[in-house]
Amino acid sequence: MNAKKWSKETKVVVTPVTVAKETRGRSLVTLLHEAKVSILATLALAVLLCGIYPVVIWGVAQVIFPQQANGSLIVRNGRVVGSSLIGQEFKSDPYFQPRPSAAGNEGYDASASGGSNLGPLSQKLIDQVRERIHTYRSENNLPPDMEVPADAVTASGSGLDPHISTRNAELQAARVARARGMSVDLVKRWVRQYTESPQLGFLGDPRVNVLELNLALEAQQGESDARRQSS
């Protein structure tokens, strides 16, 4: 038997069925390998990003700025009375009033933060603003033609804004002073003391934290009343 004839007789015939079986086998192995890699990567990222990373950030925050990390809570006489980052509603004359809120049915609902979604052409919004302007001028004894600050009659996007503009606070100072039996100059000094500068010196406008200012006035009046009673 010559070499040429032997080669023809021993030649392996590869059929399409054989190729298909080999291809399916390799595809299955590849699929299992990729699935294993994907599962391990998912578990590793879950441990890193959902476990280690949050714990590290929490620990760093508790060490460097614990007050802010715990919600910037304000405590008076051992009781939490609010947060410097979340506004509260004040209605009576002795208190500075925050800007209107559309968060929740009654406003300032921290579980329903948001605006009213009323557009500038909404008649409902126009009527609301007109009513607020009238009420604001009436409560603060302002002339009917005096311009009213926008933040006094419009709600913020979150509905939980803790600040008002300095102009808004200045226009309320006389009412607060009269209700508390203080001088207007003294109340305005408190307003200036609780006026916060723009962030980084240029972002935004000067603003007044309503809750912190009202608490300071309460403490001031409490000390004054105590001195009068003791004298």
Protein backbone atom coordinates (compact mmCIF):
# COMPACT_ATOMS: atom_id res chain seq x y z
CA MET A 1 0.00 0.00 0.00
CA ASN A 2 1.49 3.28 -1.06
CA ALA A 3 1.33 6.45 1.02
CA LYS A 4 -1.24 8.10 -1.16
CA LYS A 5 -3.67 5.17 -0.91
CA TRP A 6 -3.15 4.85 2.88
CA SER A 7 -3.92 8.52 3.35
CA LYS A 8 -7.18 8.19 1.48
CA GLU A 9 -8.22 5.09 3.45
CA THR A 10 -7.42 6.59 6.91
CA LYS A 11 -8.86 10.05 6.31
CA VAL A 12 -11.25 11.14 9.09
CA VAL A 13 -14.54 12.39 7.81
CA VAL A 14 -15.95 15.36 9.81
CA THR A 15 -19.71 15.69 9.45
CA PRO A 16 -21.83 18.77 10.24
CA VAL A 17 -23.36 16.92 13.22
CA THR A 18 -19.91 16.48 14.78
CA VAL A 19 -19.10 20.17 14.34
CA ALA A 20 -22.40 21.18 15.89
CA LYS A 21 -21.81 18.99 18.96
CA GLU A 22 -18.32 20.39 19.49
CA THR A 23 -19.59 23.98 19.08
CA ARG A 24 -22.39 23.44 21.59
CA GLY A 25 -19.93 21.95 24.05
CA ARG A 26 -17.58 24.90 23.82
CA SER A 27 -20.50 27.36 24.06
CA LEU A 28 -21.78 25.69 27.23
CA VAL A 29 -18.35 25.82 28.86
CA THR A 30 -17.95 29.47 27.90
CA LEU A 31 -21.43 30.29 29.22
CA LEU A 32 -20.76 28.61 32.57
CA HIS A 33 -17.42 30.39 32.88
CA GLU A 34 -18.95 33.80 32.13
CA ALA A 35 -21.81 33.15 34.54
CA LYS A 36 -19.33 32.26 37.27
CA VAL A 37 -17.31 35.43 36.63
CA SER A 38 -20.47 37.57 36.62
CA ILE A 39 -21.76 36.09 39.88
CA LEU A 40 -18.41 36.53 41.63
CA ALA A 41 -18.09 40.11 40.34
CA THR A 42 -21.63 40.92 41.53
CA LEU A 43 -20.96 39.50 44.98
CA ALA A 44 -17.64 41.33 45.26
CA LEU A 45 -19.17 44.67 44.22
CA ALA A 46 -22.12 44.12 46.57
CA VAL A 47 -19.79 43.57 49.52
CA LEU A 48 -17.63 46.54 48.54
CA LEU A 49 -20.27 49.10 47.58
CA CYS A 50 -23.16 48.01 49.81
CA GLY A 51 -21.13 47.06 52.85
CA ILE A 52 -17.55 48.24 53.19
CA TYR A 53 -17.89 51.60 51.43
CA PRO A 54 -20.98 52.82 53.38
CA VAL A 55 -19.46 51.75 56.69
CA VAL A 56 -16.20 53.58 55.93
CA ILE A 57 -18.04 56.75 54.85
CA TRP A 58 -20.29 56.58 57.92
CA GLY A 59 -17.30 56.20 60.21
CA VAL A 60 -15.39 59.08 58.61
CA ALA A 61 -18.47 61.32 58.80
CA GLN A 62 -19.06 60.49 62.47
CA VAL A 63 -15.48 61.49 63.27
CA ILE A 64 -15.07 64.59 61.08
CA PHE A 65 -18.56 66.20 61.17
CA PRO A 66 -20.93 64.22 63.42
CA GLN A 67 -23.49 67.04 63.69
CA GLN A 68 -24.11 67.20 59.95
CA ALA A 69 -23.89 63.43 59.52
CA ASN A 70 -26.72 62.92 62.02
CA GLY A 71 -29.12 65.35 60.35
CA SER A 72 -28.02 68.72 61.79
CA LEU A 73 -30.50 68.22 64.63
CA ILE A 74 -31.26 71.06 67.02
CA VAL A 75 -31.64 70.06 70.67
CA ARG A 76 -33.20 72.23 73.37
CA ASN A 77 -33.48 71.09 76.99
CA GLY A 78 -32.56 67.55 76.01
CA ARG A 79 -35.27 67.35 73.33
CA VAL A 80 -34.89 67.42 69.55
CA VAL A 81 -36.95 70.35 68.26
CA GLY A 82 -36.02 70.13 64.59
CA SER A 83 -33.24 70.28 62.05
CA SER A 84 -31.44 73.31 60.70
CA LEU A 85 -31.85 71.76 57.23
CA ILE A 86 -35.65 71.28 57.29
CA GLY A 87 -38.13 74.12 57.64
CA GLN A 88 -41.08 74.17 60.01
CA GLU A 89 -44.33 76.10 59.92
CA PHE A 90 -44.80 79.12 62.21
CA LYS A 91 -48.05 81.08 62.08
CA SER A 92 -48.37 83.25 65.17
CA ASP A 93 -47.14 86.85 65.34
CA PRO A 94 -44.21 86.36 67.77
CA TYR A 95 -42.42 84.16 65.22
CA PHE A 96 -40.77 84.77 61.91
CA GLN A 97 -42.70 82.86 59.29
CA PRO A 98 -41.06 80.64 56.67
CA ARG A 99 -41.88 80.67 52.99
CA PRO A 100 -45.02 78.80 51.92
CA SER A 101 -44.81 75.05 51.46
CA ALA A 102 -46.57 72.64 49.09
CA ALA A 103 -45.13 69.52 50.75
CA GLY A 104 -48.08 67.42 51.86
CA ASN A 105 -51.66 68.50 52.49
CA GLU A 106 -50.77 70.91 55.28
CA GLY A 107 -47.30 71.90 54.08
CA TYR A 108 -43.87 71.15 55.52
CA ASP A 109 -44.49 67.41 55.50
CA ALA A 110 -40.98 65.91 55.44
CA SER A 111 -42.36 62.61 54.09
CA ALA A 112 -43.91 64.35 51.06
CA SER A 113 -41.20 66.76 49.94
CA GLY A 114 -42.01 68.48 46.65
CA GLY A 115 -43.59 71.46 44.94
CA SER A 116 -47.10 72.05 43.68
CA ASN A 117 -46.19 71.52 39.99
CA LEU A 118 -48.41 74.49 39.09
CA GLY A 119 -47.08 76.37 36.08
CA PRO A 120 -46.67 80.16 35.76
CA LEU A 121 -49.91 80.37 33.73
CA SER A 122 -51.93 78.40 36.29
CA GLN A 123 -54.87 80.48 37.51
CA LYS A 124 -54.82 78.53 40.77
CA LEU A 125 -51.21 79.55 41.39
CA ILE A 126 -51.94 83.17 40.45
CA ASP A 127 -54.84 83.29 42.91
CA GLN A 128 -52.72 81.69 45.64
CA VAL A 129 -49.92 84.21 45.21
CA ARG A 130 -52.34 87.14 45.20
CA GLU A 131 -53.94 85.91 48.42
CA ARG A 132 -50.52 85.39 50.03
CA ILE A 133 -49.42 88.90 49.05
CA HIS A 134 -52.55 90.39 50.60
CA THR A 135 -52.11 88.34 53.79
CA TYR A 136 -48.41 89.15 54.06
CA ARG A 137 -49.00 92.91 53.75
CA SER A 138 -51.85 92.77 56.23
CA GLU A 139 -49.99 90.76 58.88
CA ASN A 140 -46.87 92.91 58.65
CA ASN A 141 -48.73 96.24 58.39
CA LEU A 142 -47.22 97.10 55.01
CA PRO A 143 -48.52 99.68 52.52
CA PRO A 144 -50.72 98.20 49.77
CA ASP A 145 -48.21 99.15 47.10
CA MET A 146 -45.07 97.84 48.84
CA GLU A 147 -43.22 95.14 46.92
CA VAL A 148 -43.31 91.76 48.63
CA PRO A 149 -40.31 89.38 48.44
CA ALA A 150 -40.92 86.43 46.13
CA ASP A 151 -39.92 83.90 48.79
CA ALA A 152 -42.68 85.22 51.07
CA VAL A 153 -45.44 84.19 48.67
CA THR A 154 -44.04 81.28 46.63
CA ALA A 155 -43.15 77.77 47.76
CA SER A 156 -39.73 76.22 47.27
CA GLY A 157 -39.18 73.20 45.06
CA SER A 158 -38.72 70.92 48.07
CA GLY A 159 -41.36 72.51 50.25
CA LEU A 160 -38.93 72.18 53.16
CA ASP A 161 -36.66 75.20 52.67
CA PRO A 162 -35.49 76.32 56.15
CA HIS A 163 -34.40 79.79 54.98
CA ILE A 164 -35.97 83.08 53.98
CA SER A 165 -34.35 86.07 52.33
CA THR A 166 -32.95 88.87 54.47
CA ARG A 167 -35.50 91.27 52.97
CA ASN A 168 -38.32 88.94 53.99
CA ALA A 169 -36.96 88.79 57.55
CA GLU A 170 -36.55 92.58 57.75
CA LEU A 171 -40.18 93.16 56.74
CA GLN A 172 -41.35 90.76 59.47
CA ALA A 173 -39.13 92.25 62.19
CA ALA A 174 -41.58 94.97 63.28
CA ARG A 175 -44.43 92.49 63.75
CA VAL A 176 -42.25 90.08 65.75
CA ALA A 177 -40.86 92.91 67.88
CA ARG A 178 -44.34 94.23 68.64
CA ALA A 179 -45.67 90.78 69.58
CA ARG A 180 -42.71 90.05 71.85
CA GLY A 181 -42.46 93.48 73.41
CA MET A 182 -38.93 93.98 72.05
CA SER A 183 -37.41 96.85 70.16
CA VAL A 184 -37.26 96.55 66.40
CA ASP A 185 -33.53 97.25 66.47
CA LEU A 186 -32.94 94.34 68.84
CA VAL A 187 -34.92 91.95 66.65
CA LYS A 188 -33.04 93.14 63.57
CA ARG A 189 -29.76 92.48 65.35
CA TRP A 190 -30.87 88.91 65.89
CA VAL A 191 -31.78 88.72 62.21
CA ARG A 192 -28.29 89.84 61.24
CA GLN A 193 -26.74 87.37 63.67
CA TYR A 194 -28.59 84.47 62.05
CA THR A 195 -27.99 85.60 58.48
CA GLU A 196 -25.92 83.08 56.57
CA SER A 197 -23.56 84.19 53.80
CA PRO A 198 -23.71 82.73 50.28
CA GLN A 199 -22.06 79.33 50.01
CA LEU A 200 -18.37 79.63 49.18
CA GLY A 201 -18.90 83.37 49.24
CA PHE A 202 -20.68 83.62 45.89
CA LEU A 203 -23.27 80.83 45.49
CA GLY A 204 -26.78 82.08 46.21
CA ASP A 205 -27.85 85.05 48.34
CA PRO A 206 -27.61 85.83 52.05
CA ARG A 207 -30.39 84.01 53.90
CA VAL A 208 -31.85 83.62 57.37
CA ASN A 209 -32.54 80.28 59.06
CA VAL A 210 -36.08 80.69 60.42
CA LEU A 211 -36.03 77.92 63.02
CA GLU A 212 -32.71 78.94 64.53
CA LEU A 213 -33.77 82.60 64.64
CA ASN A 214 -37.09 81.82 66.34
CA LEU A 215 -35.38 79.61 68.91
CA ALA A 216 -32.87 82.38 69.65
CA LEU A 217 -35.70 84.86 70.18
CA GLU A 218 -37.47 82.41 72.49
CA ALA A 219 -34.33 82.01 74.56
CA GLN A 220 -33.78 85.78 74.64
CA GLN A 221 -37.32 86.46 75.78
CA GLY A 222 -37.14 83.68 78.37
CA GLU A 223 -34.03 85.25 79.87
CA SER A 224 -35.67 88.69 79.88
CA ASP A 225 -38.80 87.35 81.59
CA ALA A 226 -36.67 85.57 84.18
CA ARG A 227 -34.77 88.78 84.97
CA ARG A 228 -38.01 90.75 85.35
CA GLN A 229 -39.46 88.15 87.71
CA SER A 230 -36.34 88.09 89.87
CA SER A 231 -36.11 91.90 90.14
